[in-house]
PDB file of N, CA and C in Angstrom:
ATOM      1  N   MET A   1     171.522-124.701 -56.637  1.00  0.00           N
ATOM      2  CA  MET A   1     170.365-125.353 -57.426  1.00  0.00           C
ATOM      3  C   MET A   1     169.633-126.281 -56.478  1.00  0.00           C
ATOM      4  N   LEU A   2     170.440-127.009 -55.928  1.00  0.00           N
ATOM      5  CA  LEU A   2     169.819-128.090 -55.056  1.00  0.00           C
ATOM      6  C   LEU A   2     168.997-127.666 -54.057  1.00  0.00           C
ATOM      7  N   LYS A   3     169.078-126.541 -53.335  1.00  0.00           N
ATOM      8  CA  LYS A   3     168.231-125.772 -52.484  1.00  0.00           C
ATOM      9  C   LYS A   3     166.912-125.464 -52.987  1.00  0.00           C
ATOM     10  N   ARG A   4     167.079-124.999 -54.336  1.00  0.00           N
ATOM     11  CA  ARG A   4     165.873-124.615 -55.041  1.00  0.00           C
ATOM     12  C   ARG A   4     164.820-125.898 -55.207  1.00  0.00           C
ATOM     13  N   LEU A   5     165.371-126.967 -55.660  1.00  0.00           N
ATOM     14  CA  LEU A   5     164.710-128.250 -55.814  1.00  0.00           C
ATOM     15  C   LEU A   5     164.071-128.685 -54.613  1.00  0.00           C
ATOM     16  N   LYS A   6     164.771-128.806 -53.382  1.00  0.00           N
ATOM     17  CA  LYS A   6     164.088-129.305 -52.030  1.00  0.00           C
ATOM     18  C   LYS A   6     163.061-128.311 -51.747  1.00  0.00           C
ATOM     19  N   ASN A   7     162.936-127.053 -52.036  1.00  0.00           N
ATOM     20  CA  ASN A   7     161.786-126.226 -51.607  1.00  0.00           C
ATOM     21  C   ASN A   7     160.540-126.408 -52.446  1.00  0.00           C
ATOM     22  N   GLN A   8     160.561-127.074 -53.420  1.00  0.00           N
ATOM     23  CA  GLN A   8     159.384-127.175 -54.306  1.00  0.00           C
ATOM     24  C   GLN A   8     158.449-128.195 -53.609  1.00  0.00           C
ATOM     25  N   SER A   9     157.136-127.964 -53.640  1.00  0.00           N
ATOM     26  CA  SER A   9     156.215-128.766 -53.044  1.00  0.00           C
ATOM     27  C   SER A   9     155.143-129.234 -54.109  1.00  0.00           C
ATOM     28  N   GLY A  10     154.688-130.485 -53.842  1.00  0.00           N
ATOM     29  CA  GLY A  10     153.787-130.729 -54.874  1.00  0.00           C
ATOM     30  C   GLY A  10     153.235-132.409 -54.599  1.00  0.00           C
ATOM     31  N   PHE A  11     152.553-133.014 -55.486  1.00  0.00           N
ATOM     32  CA  PHE A  11     152.204-134.492 -55.193  1.00  0.00           C
ATOM     33  C   PHE A  11     153.153-135.286 -55.741  1.00  0.00           C
ATOM     34  N   THR A  12     153.412-136.468 -55.284  1.00  0.00           N
ATOM     35  CA  THR A  12     154.178-137.584 -55.762  1.00  0.00           C
ATOM     36  C   THR A  12     153.377-138.362 -56.497  1.00  0.00           C
ATOM     37  N   LEU A  13     153.914-139.057 -57.607  1.00  0.00           N
ATOM     38  CA  LEU A  13     153.341-140.023 -58.260  1.00  0.00           C
ATOM     39  C   LEU A  13     152.486-141.104 -57.503  1.00  0.00           C
ATOM     40  N   ILE A  14     153.143-141.580 -56.513  1.00  0.00           N
ATOM     41  CA  ILE A  14     152.597-142.380 -55.278  1.00  0.00           C
ATOM     42  C   ILE A  14     151.288-141.767 -54.754  1.00  0.00           C
ATOM     43  N   GLU A  15     151.386-140.609 -54.385  1.00  0.00           N
ATOM     44  CA  GLU A  15     150.211-139.915 -53.758  1.00  0.00           C
ATOM     45  C   GLU A  15     149.144-139.975 -54.724  1.00  0.00           C
ATOM     46  N   MET A  16     149.395-139.488 -56.062  1.00  0.00           N
ATOM     47  CA  MET A  16     148.342-139.580 -57.013  1.00  0.00           C
ATOM     48  C   MET A  16     147.705-140.683 -57.231  1.00  0.00           C
ATOM     49  N   MET A  17     148.457-141.986 -57.328  1.00  0.00           N
ATOM     50  CA  MET A  17     148.025-143.391 -57.518  1.00  0.00           C
ATOM     51  C   MET A  17     147.068-143.707 -56.377  1.00  0.00           C
ATOM     52  N   ILE A  18     147.405-143.398 -55.196  1.00  0.00           N
ATOM     53  CA  ILE A  18     146.581-143.556 -53.935  1.00  0.00           C
ATOM     54  C   ILE A  18     145.328-142.982 -53.934  1.00  0.00           C
ATOM     55  N   VAL A  19     145.223-141.816 -54.369  1.00  0.00           N
ATOM     56  CA  VAL A  19     143.959-141.009 -54.700  1.00  0.00           C
ATOM     57  C   VAL A  19     142.944-141.563 -55.552  1.00  0.00           C
ATOM     58  N   LEU A  20     143.765-142.021 -56.916  1.00  0.00           N
ATOM     59  CA  LEU A  20     142.957-142.638 -57.855  1.00  0.00           C
ATOM     60  C   LEU A  20     142.493-143.934 -57.471  1.00  0.00           C
ATOM     61  N   LEU A  21     143.279-144.702 -56.754  1.00  0.00           N
ATOM     62  CA  LEU A  21     142.794-146.086 -56.206  1.00  0.00           C
ATOM     63  C   LEU A  21     141.413-145.867 -55.114  1.00  0.00           C
ATOM     64  N   VAL A  22     141.687-144.949 -54.310  1.00  0.00           N
ATOM     65  CA  VAL A  22     140.522-144.568 -53.408  1.00  0.00           C
ATOM     66  C   VAL A  22     139.139-144.156 -54.316  1.00  0.00           C
ATOM     67  N   ILE A  23     139.351-143.422 -55.138  1.00  0.00           N
ATOM     68  CA  ILE A  23     138.251-142.850 -55.874  1.00  0.00           C
ATOM     69  C   ILE A  23     137.742-144.115 -56.835  1.00  0.00           C
ATOM     70  N   SER A  24     138.426-145.006 -57.361  1.00  0.00           N
ATOM     71  CA  SER A  24     137.940-146.127 -57.977  1.00  0.00           C
ATOM     72  C   SER A  24     137.246-147.062 -57.097  1.00  0.00           C
ATOM     73  N   VAL A  25     137.757-147.375 -55.988  1.00  0.00           N
ATOM     74  CA  VAL A  25     137.055-148.137 -54.987  1.00  0.00           C
ATOM     75  C   VAL A  25     135.577-147.664 -54.759  1.00  0.00           C
ATOM     76  N   LEU A  26     135.541-146.351 -54.399  1.00  0.00           N
ATOM     77  CA  LEU A  26     134.431-145.631 -54.022  1.00  0.00           C
ATOM     78  C   LEU A  26     133.264-145.815 -55.103  1.00  0.00           C
ATOM     79  N   ILE A  27     133.790-145.630 -56.497  1.00  0.00           N
ATOM     80  CA  ILE A  27     132.843-145.750 -57.615  1.00  0.00           C
ATOM     81  C   ILE A  27     132.499-147.276 -57.828  1.00  0.00           C
ATOM     82  N   LEU A  28     133.257-148.170 -57.607  1.00  0.00           N
ATOM     83  CA  LEU A  28     132.835-149.504 -57.620  1.00  0.00           C
ATOM     84  C   LEU A  28     131.917-149.997 -56.715  1.00  0.00           C
ATOM     85  N   LEU A  29     131.809-149.168 -55.565  1.00  0.00           N
ATOM     86  CA  LEU A  29     130.782-149.587 -54.505  1.00  0.00           C
ATOM     87  C   LEU A  29     129.506-148.834 -54.917  1.00  0.00           C
ATOM     88  N   ALA A  30     129.542-147.563 -55.408  1.00  0.00           N
ATOM     89  CA  ALA A  30     128.448-146.788 -55.601  1.00  0.00           C
ATOM     90  C   ALA A  30     127.613-147.343 -56.725  1.00  0.00           C
ATOM     91  N   ILE A  31     128.293-147.780 -57.869  1.00  0.00           N
ATOM     92  CA  ILE A  31     127.432-148.021 -59.123  1.00  0.00           C
ATOM     93  C   ILE A  31     126.512-149.143 -58.885  1.00  0.00           C
ATOM     94  N   PRO A  32     126.820-150.072 -58.188  1.00  0.00           N
ATOM     95  CA  PRO A  32     125.904-151.343 -58.051  1.00  0.00           C
ATOM     96  C   PRO A  32     124.566-150.991 -57.324  1.00  0.00           C
ATOM     97  N   ASN A  33     124.807-149.944 -56.275  1.00  0.00           N
ATOM     98  CA  ASN A  33     123.569-149.472 -55.524  1.00  0.00           C
ATOM     99  C   ASN A  33     122.546-148.610 -56.375  1.00  0.00           C
ATOM    100  N   VAL A  34     123.186-147.967 -57.288  1.00  0.00           N
ATOM    101  CA  VAL A  34     122.439-147.053 -58.084  1.00  0.00           C
ATOM    102  C   VAL A  34     121.633-147.939 -59.164  1.00  0.00           C
ATOM    103  N   THR A  35     122.294-148.863 -59.720  1.00  0.00           N
ATOM    104  CA  THR A  35     121.521-149.816 -60.609  1.00  0.00           C
ATOM    105  C   THR A  35     120.458-150.527 -59.899  1.00  0.00           C
ATOM    106  N   LYS A  36     120.565-151.079 -58.656  1.00  0.00           N
ATOM    107  CA  LYS A  36     119.717-151.617 -57.973  1.00  0.00           C
ATOM    108  C   LYS A  36     118.393-150.685 -57.728  1.00  0.00           C
ATOM    109  N   ARG A  37     118.629-149.446 -57.527  1.00  0.00           N
ATOM    110  CA  ARG A  37     117.674-148.553 -57.078  1.00  0.00           C
ATOM    111  C   ARG A  37     116.745-148.225 -58.261  1.00  0.00           C
ATOM    112  N   ALA A  38     117.371-148.291 -59.544  1.00  0.00           N
ATOM    113  CA  ALA A  38     116.628-147.934 -60.886  1.00  0.00           C
ATOM    114  C   ALA A  38     115.112-148.740 -60.871  1.00  0.00           C
ATOM    115  N   ALA A  39     115.281-149.765 -60.789  1.00  0.00           N
ATOM    116  CA  ALA A  39     113.816-150.724 -60.803  1.00  0.00           C
ATOM    117  C   ALA A  39     112.814-150.128 -59.810  1.00  0.00           C
ATOM    118  N   GLU A  40     113.323-150.028 -58.434  1.00  0.00           N
ATOM    119  CA  GLU A  40     112.394-149.559 -57.509  1.00  0.00           C
ATOM    120  C   GLU A  40     112.113-148.183 -57.782  1.00  0.00           C
ATOM    121  N   ILE A  41     112.868-147.352 -58.313  1.00  0.00           N
ATOM    122  CA  ILE A  41     112.302-145.857 -58.755  1.00  0.00           C
ATOM    123  C   ILE A  41     111.280-145.915 -60.018  1.00  0.00           C
ATOM    124  N   ASP A  42     111.461-146.999 -60.868  1.00  0.00           N
ATOM    125  CA  ASP A  42     110.454-147.149 -61.950  1.00  0.00           C
ATOM    126  C   ASP A  42     109.125-147.630 -61.310  1.00  0.00           C
ATOM    127  N   LYS A  43     109.152-148.426 -60.494  1.00  0.00           N
ATOM    128  CA  LYS A  43     108.047-149.119 -59.653  1.00  0.00           C
ATOM    129  C   LYS A  43     107.359-147.927 -58.906  1.00  0.00           C
ATOM    130  N   THR A  44     107.896-147.167 -58.147  1.00  0.00           N
ATOM    131  CA  THR A  44     107.415-146.125 -57.435  1.00  0.00           C
ATOM    132  C   THR A  44     106.637-145.103 -58.276  1.00  0.00           C
ATOM    133  N   GLY A  45     107.431-144.904 -59.319  1.00  0.00           N
ATOM    134  CA  GLY A  45     106.856-143.852 -60.497  1.00  0.00           C
ATOM    135  C   GLY A  45     105.530-144.306 -61.044  1.00  0.00           C
ATOM    136  N   CYS A  46     105.565-145.610 -61.337  1.00  0.00           N
ATOM    137  CA  CYS A  46     104.318-146.142 -62.006  1.00  0.00           C
ATOM    138  C   CYS A  46     103.118-145.987 -60.886  1.00  0.00           C
ATOM    139  N   GLU A  47     103.625-146.251 -59.709  1.00  0.00           N
ATOM    140  CA  GLU A  47     102.475-146.252 -58.538  1.00  0.00           C
ATOM    141  C   GLU A  47     101.837-144.712 -58.334  1.00  0.00           C
ATOM    142  N   ALA A  48     102.939-143.831 -58.491  1.00  0.00           N
ATOM    143  CA  ALA A  48     102.403-142.454 -58.462  1.00  0.00           C
ATOM    144  C   ALA A  48     101.401-142.136 -59.715  1.00  0.00           C
ATOM    145  N   LEU A  49     101.918-142.502 -60.887  1.00  0.00           N
ATOM    146  CA  LEU A  49     100.984-142.146 -61.948  1.00  0.00           C
ATOM    147  C   LEU A  49      99.584-142.724 -61.911  1.00  0.00           C
ATOM    148  N   ALA A  50      99.522-144.084 -61.553  1.00  0.00           N
ATOM    149  CA  ALA A  50      98.333-144.647 -61.175  1.00  0.00           C
ATOM    150  C   ALA A  50      97.635-143.873 -60.163  1.00  0.00           C
ATOM    151  N   GLN A  51      98.000-143.475 -59.040  1.00  0.00           N
ATOM    152  CA  GLN A  51      97.291-142.583 -58.212  1.00  0.00           C
ATOM    153  C   GLN A  51      97.073-141.228 -58.684  1.00  0.00           C
ATOM    154  N   MET A  52      97.691-140.627 -59.694  1.00  0.00           N
ATOM    155  CA  MET A  52      97.327-139.425 -60.424  1.00  0.00           C
ATOM    156  C   MET A  52      96.016-139.822 -61.147  1.00  0.00           C
ATOM    157  N   VAL A  53      96.137-140.868 -61.867  1.00  0.00           N
ATOM    158  CA  VAL A  53      95.062-141.299 -62.893  1.00  0.00           C
ATOM    159  C   VAL A  53      93.756-141.457 -62.053  1.00  0.00           C
ATOM    160  N   GLU A  54      93.973-142.183 -60.793  1.00  0.00           N
ATOM    161  CA  GLU A  54      92.787-142.348 -60.015  1.00  0.00           C
ATOM    162  C   GLU A  54      92.068-140.865 -59.650  1.00  0.00           C
ATOM    163  N   GLY A  55      92.967-139.944 -59.402  1.00  0.00           N
ATOM    164  CA  GLY A  55      92.466-138.457 -59.072  1.00  0.00           C
ATOM    165  C   GLY A  55      91.718-137.983 -60.030  1.00  0.00           C
ATOM    166  N   GLN A  56      92.200-138.138 -61.429  1.00  0.00           N
ATOM    167  CA  GLN A  56      91.520-137.724 -62.521  1.00  0.00           C
ATOM    168  C   GLN A  56      90.097-138.361 -62.804  1.00  0.00           C
ATOM    169  N   VAL A  57      90.113-139.653 -62.549  1.00  0.00           N
ATOM    170  CA  VAL A  57      88.838-140.436 -62.593  1.00  0.00           C
ATOM    171  C   VAL A  57      87.813-139.890 -61.631  1.00  0.00           C
ATOM    172  N   GLN A  58      88.165-139.635 -60.409  1.00  0.00           N
ATOM    173  CA  GLN A  58      87.311-138.945 -59.534  1.00  0.00           C
ATOM    174  C   GLN A  58      86.943-137.695 -59.796  1.00  0.00           C
ATOM    175  N   ALA A  59      87.807-136.823 -60.447  1.00  0.00           N
ATOM    176  CA  ALA A  59      87.310-135.510 -60.896  1.00  0.00           C
ATOM    177  C   ALA A  59      86.345-135.733 -62.110  1.00  0.00           C
ATOM    178  N   TYR A  60      86.608-136.526 -63.003  1.00  0.00           N
ATOM    179  CA  TYR A  60      85.601-136.952 -64.012  1.00  0.00           C
ATOM    180  C   TYR A  60      84.267-137.450 -63.464  1.00  0.00           C
ATOM    181  N   LYS A  61      84.335-138.166 -62.429  1.00  0.00           N
ATOM    182  CA  LYS A  61      83.167-138.620 -61.774  1.00  0.00           C
ATOM    183  C   LYS A  61      82.144-137.535 -61.123  1.00  0.00           C
ATOM    184  N   LEU A  62      82.900-136.576 -60.516  1.00  0.00           N
ATOM    185  CA  LEU A  62      82.321-135.489 -59.917  1.00  0.00           C
ATOM    186  C   LEU A  62      81.882-134.492 -60.994  1.00  0.00           C
ATOM    187  N   LYS A  63      82.174-134.328 -61.942  1.00  0.00           N
ATOM    188  CA  LYS A  63      81.894-133.555 -63.002  1.00  0.00           C
ATOM    189  C   LYS A  63      80.724-134.129 -63.940  1.00  0.00           C
ATOM    190  N   ASN A  64      80.818-135.574 -64.159  1.00  0.00           N
ATOM    191  CA  ASN A  64      79.790-136.152 -65.089  1.00  0.00           C
ATOM    192  C   ASN A  64      78.892-137.004 -64.356  1.00  0.00           C
ATOM    193  N   LYS A  65      78.897-137.250 -63.058  1.00  0.00           N
ATOM    194  CA  LYS A  65      77.970-137.906 -62.343  1.00  0.00           C
ATOM    195  C   LYS A  65      78.258-139.452 -62.690  1.00  0.00           C
ATOM    196  N   GLU A  66      79.029-139.988 -63.579  1.00  0.00           N
ATOM    197  CA  GLU A  66      79.335-141.236 -63.841  1.00  0.00           C
ATOM    198  C   GLU A  66      80.842-141.479 -63.927  1.00  0.00           C
ATOM    199  N   ASN A  67      81.081-143.019 -63.940  1.00  0.00           N
ATOM    200  CA  ASN A  67      82.609-143.334 -64.042  1.00  0.00           C
ATOM    201  C   ASN A  67      82.915-143.374 -65.493  1.00  0.00           C
ATOM    202  N   PRO A  68      84.166-143.032 -65.916  1.00  0.00           N
ATOM    203  CA  PRO A  68      84.739-143.209 -67.268  1.00  0.00           C
ATOM    204  C   PRO A  68      84.689-144.727 -67.694  1.00  0.00           C
ATOM    205  N   ALA A  69      84.341-144.897 -68.892  1.00  0.00           N
ATOM    206  CA  ALA A  69      84.269-146.406 -69.312  1.00  0.00           C
ATOM    207  C   ALA A  69      85.572-146.860 -69.471  1.00  0.00           C
ATOM    208  N   THR A  70      86.468-145.955 -70.207  1.00  0.00           N
ATOM    209  CA  THR A  70      87.886-146.143 -70.472  1.00  0.00           C
ATOM    210  C   THR A  70      88.675-144.973 -70.449  1.00  0.00           C
ATOM    211  N   ALA A  71      89.891-145.140 -70.510  1.00  0.00           N
ATOM    212  CA  ALA A  71      91.070-144.119 -70.393  1.00  0.00           C
ATOM    213  C   ALA A  71      90.781-142.914 -71.635  1.00  0.00           C
ATOM    214  N   ALA A  72      90.041-143.382 -72.813  1.00  0.00           N
ATOM    215  CA  ALA A  72      89.749-142.314 -73.632  1.00  0.00           C
ATOM    216  C   ALA A  72      88.993-141.387 -73.109  1.00  0.00           C
ATOM    217  N   ALA A  73      87.959-141.697 -72.499  1.00  0.00           N
ATOM    218  CA  ALA A  73      86.886-140.763 -71.946  1.00  0.00           C
ATOM    219  C   ALA A  73      87.630-139.516 -71.020  1.00  0.00           C
ATOM    220  N   LEU A  74      88.826-139.927 -70.713  1.00  0.00           N
ATOM    221  CA  LEU A  74      89.703-138.840 -69.723  1.00  0.00           C
ATOM    222  C   LEU A  74      90.153-137.902 -70.756  1.00  0.00           C
ATOM    223  N   VAL A  75      90.671-138.246 -71.907  1.00  0.00           N
ATOM    224  CA  VAL A  75      91.202-137.447 -72.890  1.00  0.00           C
ATOM    225  C   VAL A  75      90.399-136.490 -73.563  1.00  0.00           C
ATOM    226  N   PRO A  76      90.595-135.236 -73.506  1.00  0.00           N
ATOM    227  CA  PRO A  76      91.311-134.177 -73.586  1.00  0.00           C
ATOM    228  C   PRO A  76      91.262-133.324 -72.172  1.00  0.00           C
ATOM    229  N   ASP A  77      90.058-133.544 -71.517  1.00  0.00           N
ATOM    230  CA  ASP A  77      90.020-132.604 -70.419  1.00  0.00           C
ATOM    231  C   ASP A  77      90.758-133.053 -69.199  1.00  0.00           C
ATOM    232  N   TYR A  78      91.187-134.429 -68.846  1.00  0.00           N
ATOM    233  CA  TYR A  78      91.850-134.865 -67.628  1.00  0.00           C
ATOM    234  C   TYR A  78      93.212-135.390 -68.008  1.00  0.00           C
ATOM    235  N   LEU A  79      93.216-135.878 -69.092  1.00  0.00           N
ATOM    236  CA  LEU A  79      94.679-136.461 -69.595  1.00  0.00           C
ATOM    237  C   LEU A  79      95.145-135.819 -70.912  1.00  0.00           C
ATOM    238  N   GLU A  80      96.288-135.466 -71.289  1.00  0.00           N
ATOM    239  CA  GLU A  80      96.672-135.014 -72.614  1.00  0.00           C
ATOM    240  C   GLU A  80      96.518-135.929 -73.643  1.00  0.00           C
ATOM    241  N   SER A  81      96.920-137.266 -73.348  1.00  0.00           N
ATOM    242  CA  SER A  81      96.768-138.370 -74.449  1.00  0.00           C
ATOM    243  C   SER A  81      96.883-139.601 -73.659  1.00  0.00           C
ATOM    244  N   GLU A  82      96.494-140.783 -74.488  1.00  0.00           N
ATOM    245  CA  GLU A  82      96.576-141.962 -73.687  1.00  0.00           C
ATOM    246  C   GLU A  82      97.932-142.671 -73.667  1.00  0.00           C
ATOM    247  N   ASN A  83      98.816-141.774 -74.240  1.00  0.00           N
ATOM    248  CA  ASN A  83     100.428-142.162 -73.972  1.00  0.00           C
ATOM    249  C   ASN A  83     100.831-141.840 -72.663  1.00  0.00           C
ATOM    250  N   ASP A  84     100.026-140.909 -72.045  1.00  0.00           N
ATOM    251  CA  ASP A  84     100.513-140.600 -70.587  1.00  0.00           C
ATOM    252  C   ASP A  84     100.074-141.822 -69.677  1.00  0.00           C
ATOM    253  N   LEU A  85      99.539-142.872 -70.287  1.00  0.00           N
ATOM    254  CA  LEU A  85      99.362-143.999 -69.378  1.00  0.00           C
ATOM    255  C   LEU A  85     100.352-145.081 -69.494  1.00  0.00           C
ATOM    256  N   LYS A  86     101.450-144.678 -69.887  1.00  0.00           N
ATOM    257  CA  LYS A  86     102.698-145.743 -70.054  1.00  0.00           C
ATOM    258  C   LYS A  86     103.677-145.448 -68.885  1.00  0.00           C
ATOM    259  N   CYS A  87     104.002-146.427 -68.207  1.00  0.00           N
ATOM    260  CA  CYS A  87     105.092-146.160 -67.343  1.00  0.00           C
ATOM    261  C   CYS A  87     106.377-146.520 -67.848  1.00  0.00           C
ATOM    262  N   SER A  88     107.579-146.116 -67.230  1.00  0.00           N
ATOM    263  CA  SER A  88     108.979-146.184 -67.896  1.00  0.00           C
ATOM    264  C   SER A  88     109.402-147.616 -67.809  1.00  0.00           C
ATOM    265  N   ASP A  89     108.673-148.406 -67.000  1.00  0.00           N
ATOM    266  CA  ASP A  89     109.265-149.897 -66.894  1.00  0.00           C
ATOM    267  C   ASP A  89     108.345-150.567 -67.799  1.00  0.00           C
ATOM    268  N   GLY A  90     107.617-150.215 -68.721  1.00  0.00           N
ATOM    269  CA  GLY A  90     106.774-151.024 -69.658  1.00  0.00           C
ATOM    270  C   GLY A  90     105.315-151.357 -69.204  1.00  0.00           C
ATOM    271  N   ARG A  91     105.100-150.999 -68.195  1.00  0.00           N
ATOM    272  CA  ARG A  91     103.661-151.345 -67.510  1.00  0.00           C
ATOM    273  C   ARG A  91     102.809-150.136 -68.084  1.00  0.00           C
ATOM    274  N   THR A  92     101.545-150.455 -68.174  1.00  0.00           N
ATOM    275  CA  THR A  92     100.419-149.668 -68.527  1.00  0.00           C
ATOM    276  C   THR A  92      99.343-149.279 -67.615  1.00  0.00           C
ATOM    277  N   ILE A  93      98.797-148.277 -67.400  1.00  0.00           N
ATOM    278  CA  ILE A  93      97.783-147.752 -66.708  1.00  0.00           C
ATOM    279  C   ILE A  93      96.394-148.170 -67.314  1.00  0.00           C
ATOM    280  N   ILE A  94      95.454-148.891 -66.669  1.00  0.00           N
ATOM    281  CA  ILE A  94      94.271-149.239 -67.446  1.00  0.00           C
ATOM    282  C   ILE A  94      93.160-148.942 -66.493  1.00  0.00           C
ATOM    283  N   VAL A  95      92.100-148.000 -67.289  1.00  0.00           N
ATOM    284  CA  VAL A  95      90.958-147.658 -66.635  1.00  0.00           C
ATOM    285  C   VAL A  95      89.749-148.426 -67.298  1.00  0.00           C
ATOM    286  N   ASN A  96      89.084-148.938 -66.508  1.00  0.00           N
ATOM    287  CA  ASN A  96      87.834-149.905 -67.048  1.00  0.00           C
ATOM    288  C   ASN A  96      86.780-149.533 -66.017  1.00  0.00           C
ATOM    289  N   ASN A  97      85.815-148.807 -66.495  1.00  0.00           N
ATOM    290  CA  ASN A  97      84.503-148.444 -65.841  1.00  0.00           C
ATOM    291  C   ASN A  97      84.897-147.913 -64.597  1.00  0.00           C
ATOM    292  N   GLY A  98      85.761-146.994 -64.433  1.00  0.00           N
ATOM    293  CA  GLY A  98      86.342-146.135 -63.308  1.00  0.00           C
ATOM    294  C   GLY A  98      87.366-146.825 -62.315  1.00  0.00           C
ATOM    295  N   ALA A  99      87.584-148.115 -62.696  1.00  0.00           N
ATOM    296  CA  ALA A  99      88.529-148.690 -61.809  1.00  0.00           C
ATOM    297  C   ALA A  99      89.963-148.575 -62.468  1.00  0.00           C
ATOM    298  N   VAL A 100      91.010-148.110 -61.659  1.00  0.00           N
ATOM    299  CA  VAL A 100      92.212-148.045 -62.403  1.00  0.00           C
ATOM    300  C   VAL A 100      93.065-149.192 -61.809  1.00  0.00           C
ATOM    301  N   SER A 101      93.922-149.843 -62.856  1.00  0.00           N
ATOM    302  CA  SER A 101      94.919-150.790 -62.532  1.00  0.00           C
ATOM    303  C   SER A 101      96.037-150.537 -63.468  1.00  0.00           C
ATOM    304  N   VAL A 102      97.016-151.412 -62.715  1.00  0.00           N
ATOM    305  CA  VAL A 102      98.295-151.481 -63.598  1.00  0.00           C
ATOM    306  C   VAL A 102      98.521-152.812 -64.156  1.00  0.00           C
ATOM    307  N   SER A 103      98.756-152.910 -65.621  1.00  0.00           N
ATOM    308  CA  SER A 103      99.191-154.020 -66.302  1.00  0.00           C
ATOM    309  C   SER A 103     100.471-154.617 -65.992  1.00  0.00           C
ATOM    310  N   ASN A 104     100.803-155.866 -66.184  1.00  0.00           N
ATOM    311  CA  ASN A 104     102.061-156.544 -66.204  1.00  0.00           C
ATOM    312  C   ASN A 104     102.997-156.157 -67.563  1.00  0.00           C
ATOM    313  N   PRO A 105     104.033-156.076 -67.484  1.00  0.00           N
ATOM    314  CA  PRO A 105     104.752-155.677 -68.776  1.00  0.00           C
ATOM    315  C   PRO A 105     104.670-156.851 -69.838  1.00  0.00           C
TER     316      PRO A 105
END
């Protein structure tokens, strides 16, 4: 019976606890970096949305030979709705006589 127990292989409790400790440390290091990047991602996404709206303003200008007065002039042909002009960080894209700007939250 003793020979049979000595030949069994597996992980000890100490080895499992060391692995869990290493995984915990890696998670503790990764989570703050992810949360710091979320604001940067929102900012970049809003800037990309503003560039897309500028492209739609240019397309409107080419077709109609004038600048759109407001964002409402871009709806239905160039934007699905004015709700498309809201960024995930709370800022809004504003179109004023062909000029595109981003409002503060």
